[in-house]
């Protein structure tokens, strides 16, 4: 069975959502955030101390968007993955990498220097600058969401899962008020999916059962 290590609201939500969309069996192990600080025993499992961490037999992975692509190809076939012969394959791959390298990176600095660091180490200018950076990069999603319900291939795919998580994180960081109209409508559509709602419920249920509180 697939095992996924997860923190509430973290990037590990991407593979959790993907697992629910695909209807795969999995075990969800919740950790306090950040686990390298609050669950040091986890370093014996993942020396990086980061999440996600997925185990599938002999396969071990740490990159959230990569895990989603792996799940779709290793445990497919599924319409969530765009095939190599599909004209939209290049766009699909670009969105898969864009989700973390371009969208989530600036958000991590907003999160760290606006919330996670002690008060004396917080950096309001860094938060402001990287929030603007994120919103600037979001213009690509605004344009794509104005051309169709989903980002590529004319259907919901893993590209929507991985970029949709970036919108969830943005909402948690208070940035949703600055979404353009197309992004706002797109984010509403994603949240209405049964797979998204099941992933949220699984996250909450596992946290309660394992007595891991949500981060502030």
Foldseek 3Di string as FASTA:
>chain_A
DKEWEDEPLDLSLLVLLLCLVVVHDYHYHYAAPQCVPVPVVCCVVPVVSHDTWMDDPPDIDHDSLVSSQCCCVVVDVDPQQDDPPDPFNVVLVVLSVCLCPQQCVLLVQLCCQVPVDPPVRHDVVSNVVSLVSNQVSCVLVLVQLVVALDNTPRDNHSSCSSNLSSVSSCVVSVNLVVDDPSVVVSNVVVCPDPSNVVSNVVNVVNCVVVVHDHDD
